[in-house]
Protein backbone atom coordinates (compact mmCIF):
# COMPACT_ATOMS: atom_id res chain seq x y z
CA UNK A 1 0.00 0.00 0.00
CA UNK A 2 1.23 3.53 -0.68
CA UNK A 3 0.09 6.88 0.52
CA UNK A 4 -1.36 8.76 -2.43
CA UNK A 5 0.47 6.40 -4.77
CA UNK A 6 3.93 7.06 -3.33
CA UNK A 7 5.81 7.39 -0.11
CA UNK A 8 7.56 10.60 0.77
CA UNK A 9 10.97 8.96 0.38
CA UNK A 10 13.53 11.79 0.41
CA UNK A 11 16.89 10.28 -0.48
CA UNK A 12 19.04 13.06 0.94
CA UNK A 13 21.09 12.13 4.00
CA UNK A 14 20.19 13.66 7.34
CA UNK A 15 23.27 15.82 7.19
CA UNK A 16 22.62 16.80 3.58
CA UNK A 17 21.20 20.03 2.24
CA UNK A 18 18.04 20.84 4.21
CA UNK A 19 16.59 22.93 1.43
CA UNK A 20 16.91 20.15 -1.15
CA UNK A 21 15.48 17.67 1.32
CA UNK A 22 12.46 19.88 1.95
CA UNK A 23 11.84 20.26 -1.78
CA UNK A 24 12.10 16.51 -2.23
CA UNK A 25 9.67 15.95 0.61
CA UNK A 26 7.12 18.38 -0.79
CA UNK A 27 7.42 17.12 -4.37
CA UNK A 28 6.41 13.62 -3.27
CA UNK A 29 3.76 14.48 -0.71
CA UNK A 30 0.39 15.39 -2.18
CA UNK A 31 -2.06 16.59 0.45
CA UNK A 32 -5.32 15.35 -0.97
CA UNK A 33 -7.30 12.16 -0.46
CA UNK A 34 -5.48 9.06 0.67
CA UNK A 35 -5.66 6.50 -2.10
CA UNK A 36 -6.37 3.11 -0.54
CA UNK A 37 -4.46 0.31 -2.20
CA UNK A 38 -5.00 -3.28 -1.12
CA UNK A 39 -2.00 -4.82 0.57
CA UNK A 40 -0.78 -8.07 -0.98
CA UNK A 41 0.17 -10.95 1.24
CA UNK A 42 3.57 -10.34 2.79
CA UNK A 43 6.16 -13.05 2.24
CA UNK A 44 8.06 -13.35 5.48
CA UNK A 45 11.80 -13.50 5.01
CA UNK A 46 13.93 -15.83 7.08
CA UNK A 47 14.97 -13.87 10.13
CA UNK A 48 15.48 -13.46 13.85
CA UNK A 49 16.63 -10.90 16.53
CA UNK A 50 16.93 -10.17 20.26
CA UNK A 51 16.72 -8.31 23.58
CA UNK A 52 17.48 -4.71 24.47
CA UNK A 53 15.99 -2.35 26.99
CA UNK A 54 13.73 0.37 25.57
CA UNK A 55 15.71 3.16 27.21
CA UNK A 56 18.93 1.95 25.62
CA UNK A 57 17.33 1.76 22.20
CA UNK A 58 15.73 5.19 22.32
CA UNK A 59 19.02 6.75 23.42
CA UNK A 60 20.90 5.35 20.41
CA UNK A 61 21.56 7.49 17.35
CA UNK A 62 19.30 10.34 18.43
CA UNK A 63 21.36 12.53 16.14
CA UNK A 64 19.93 10.55 13.25
CA UNK A 65 16.40 11.79 13.81
CA UNK A 66 14.73 12.89 10.61
CA UNK A 67 13.95 16.57 11.04
CA UNK A 68 14.35 19.11 8.23
CA UNK A 69 13.03 21.95 10.32
CA UNK A 70 15.55 21.24 13.11
CA UNK A 71 18.07 23.28 11.13
CA UNK A 72 15.61 26.15 10.88
CA UNK A 73 14.35 25.24 7.42
CA UNK A 74 10.72 26.18 6.91
CA UNK A 75 8.59 23.25 5.80
CA UNK A 76 6.22 23.75 2.87
CA UNK A 77 2.64 24.64 3.73
CA UNK A 78 0.67 21.54 4.65
CA UNK A 79 3.69 19.48 5.71
CA UNK A 80 3.94 18.82 9.43
CA UNK A 81 7.11 17.99 11.42
CA UNK A 82 7.31 14.66 13.28
CA UNK A 83 5.07 14.34 16.32
CA UNK A 84 6.33 13.37 19.76
CA UNK A 85 5.74 9.67 20.25
CA UNK A 86 5.84 8.91 16.52
CA UNK A 87 9.38 9.81 15.46
CA UNK A 88 11.47 7.32 13.50
CA UNK A 89 13.39 6.41 16.64
CA UNK A 90 10.22 5.84 18.63
CA UNK A 91 8.76 3.66 15.90
CA UNK A 92 11.95 1.59 15.80
CA UNK A 93 11.89 1.33 19.59
CA UNK A 94 8.32 -0.01 19.50
CA UNK A 95 9.37 -2.68 17.02
CA UNK A 96 12.40 -3.65 19.08
CA UNK A 97 10.39 -3.89 22.29
CA UNK A 98 8.00 -6.27 20.55
CA UNK A 99 10.84 -8.39 19.17
CA UNK A 100 12.52 -8.39 22.58
CA UNK A 101 9.56 -10.34 23.95
CA UNK A 102 10.00 -12.98 21.25
CA UNK A 103 13.68 -13.35 22.12
CA UNK A 104 12.96 -13.75 25.79
CA UNK A 105 10.26 -16.31 25.11
CA UNK A 106 12.78 -18.30 23.06
CA UNK A 107 15.67 -17.93 25.54
CA UNK A 108 18.01 -16.28 23.03
CA UNK A 109 21.52 -15.71 24.37
CA UNK A 110 21.50 -12.22 25.99
CA UNK A 111 24.66 -11.05 24.23
CA UNK A 112 23.47 -12.19 20.82
CA UNK A 113 20.05 -10.76 21.55
CA UNK A 114 21.48 -7.37 22.48
CA UNK A 115 23.66 -7.15 19.37
CA UNK A 116 20.84 -8.27 17.10
CA UNK A 117 18.42 -5.76 18.53
CA UNK A 118 20.82 -2.85 18.10
CA UNK A 119 21.32 -3.94 14.50
CA UNK A 120 17.56 -4.14 14.01
CA UNK A 121 17.10 -0.66 15.47
CA UNK A 122 19.67 0.76 13.06
CA UNK A 123 18.13 -0.96 10.03
CA UNK A 124 14.63 0.21 10.92
CA UNK A 125 15.68 3.78 11.60
CA UNK A 126 17.51 3.96 8.26
CA UNK A 127 14.48 2.56 6.42
CA UNK A 128 12.11 5.00 8.12
CA UNK A 129 14.40 7.94 7.39
CA UNK A 130 14.70 6.97 3.73
CA UNK A 131 10.91 7.09 3.47
CA UNK A 132 10.32 10.07 5.78
CA UNK A 133 7.94 7.90 7.75
CA UNK A 134 7.66 10.25 10.72
CA UNK A 135 6.79 13.17 8.41
CA UNK A 136 4.22 11.05 6.60
CA UNK A 137 2.52 9.99 9.82
CA UNK A 138 2.41 13.54 11.14
CA UNK A 139 1.21 15.07 7.88
CA UNK A 140 -1.43 12.51 7.02
CA UNK A 141 -2.75 12.62 10.56
CA UNK A 142 -2.86 16.40 10.97
CA UNK A 143 -3.95 17.47 7.48
CA UNK A 144 -7.54 18.78 7.24
CA UNK A 145 -10.24 16.24 6.45
CA UNK A 146 -13.81 17.10 5.50
CA UNK A 147 -14.89 13.71 6.80
CA UNK A 148 -13.42 12.73 10.20
CA UNK A 149 -13.66 9.08 9.23
CA UNK A 150 -11.12 9.73 6.46
CA UNK A 151 -8.50 10.54 9.09
CA UNK A 152 -9.24 7.24 10.82
CA UNK A 153 -8.85 5.37 7.55
CA UNK A 154 -5.57 7.20 6.83
CA UNK A 155 -4.18 6.04 10.17
CA UNK A 156 -5.24 2.45 9.50
CA UNK A 157 -3.68 2.56 6.05
CA UNK A 158 -0.40 3.97 7.37
CA UNK A 159 -0.28 1.37 10.14
CA UNK A 160 -0.52 -1.44 7.58
CA UNK A 161 1.94 0.11 5.16
CA UNK A 162 4.60 0.75 7.77
CA UNK A 163 4.03 -2.71 9.23
CA UNK A 164 5.06 -4.06 5.82
CA UNK A 165 8.01 -1.67 5.56
CA UNK A 166 9.18 -2.78 9.00
CA UNK A 167 9.01 -6.45 8.03
CA UNK A 168 11.13 -5.81 4.94
CA UNK A 169 13.73 -3.83 6.86
CA UNK A 170 13.82 -6.42 9.66
CA UNK A 171 14.36 -9.16 7.09
CA UNK A 172 17.31 -7.22 5.64
CA UNK A 173 18.80 -6.90 9.13
CA UNK A 174 18.68 -10.64 9.66
CA UNK A 175 19.88 -11.97 6.32
CA UNK A 176 23.42 -12.41 7.66
CA UNK A 177 22.49 -12.83 11.31
CA UNK A 178 23.28 -16.12 13.08
CA UNK A 179 19.69 -15.97 14.28
CA UNK A 180 18.68 -16.70 10.71
CA UNK A 181 19.68 -20.31 11.33
CA UNK A 182 16.85 -20.79 13.77
CA UNK A 183 13.48 -22.26 12.85
CA UNK A 184 11.17 -20.68 10.32
CA UNK A 185 8.50 -20.42 12.98
CA UNK A 186 10.86 -18.36 15.12
CA UNK A 187 11.81 -16.17 12.18
CA UNK A 188 8.18 -15.60 11.32
CA UNK A 189 7.36 -14.67 14.91
CA UNK A 190 10.24 -12.22 14.96
CA UNK A 191 9.19 -10.47 11.75
CA UNK A 192 5.53 -10.38 12.61
CA UNK A 193 6.22 -8.99 16.06
CA UNK A 194 8.41 -6.21 14.63
CA UNK A 195 5.73 -5.18 12.15
CA UNK A 196 2.92 -5.35 14.66
CA UNK A 197 4.90 -3.33 17.20
CA UNK A 198 4.96 -0.43 14.74
CA UNK A 199 1.41 -0.97 13.53
CA UNK A 200 0.03 -0.97 17.06
CA UNK A 201 1.87 2.26 17.90
CA UNK A 202 0.54 4.08 14.82
CA UNK A 203 -2.99 2.84 15.49
CA UNK A 204 -2.96 4.56 18.89
CA UNK A 205 -3.60 7.75 16.91
CA UNK A 206 -7.16 6.52 16.49
CA UNK A 207 -7.69 6.09 20.21
CA UNK A 208 -9.59 8.79 22.14
CA UNK A 209 -7.30 11.24 23.87
CA UNK A 210 -4.37 10.76 21.51
């Protein structure tokens, strides 16, 4: 599924030219109706990962946070900066917390678990930054809607799309991981838990009081 046929996907690095990044963001983001596209069945890649405390994860690579306006660059009209609780780092943390439970349930070696989870966090953050996920969530949630139900549907659509993106990025992280030698059931649980961790976080936007 894609938002309005395409994801924001600015390819500039975080330390690159903020002006060019903002133009790239705006050129890909069209603030009209969300075009619903049916999600195909996701093929789960062989994978696996492990345990890390949420505080440790959220503290890592904070300098990598995707934020054009942090450097004082004015965002185009209609584009909203990332919201607290839904930044790329916080999305990656939610996925890692979910995967951490799978590792603990399967008694994964703590050292291997810790290293794998840091690697997962880095892969997810890079994937989210490449697609400006935190900007997409903020913009699609806060843009004006004539029909309030359209906002709810936008949130549901984003939750499913970024679940799928998370699964792909998590699979990439585990291709060369020793955890990839474990059972397919374990790998499937790992990938599904990562995707659902992000999906569940995004879906909290539809809960009263959010």
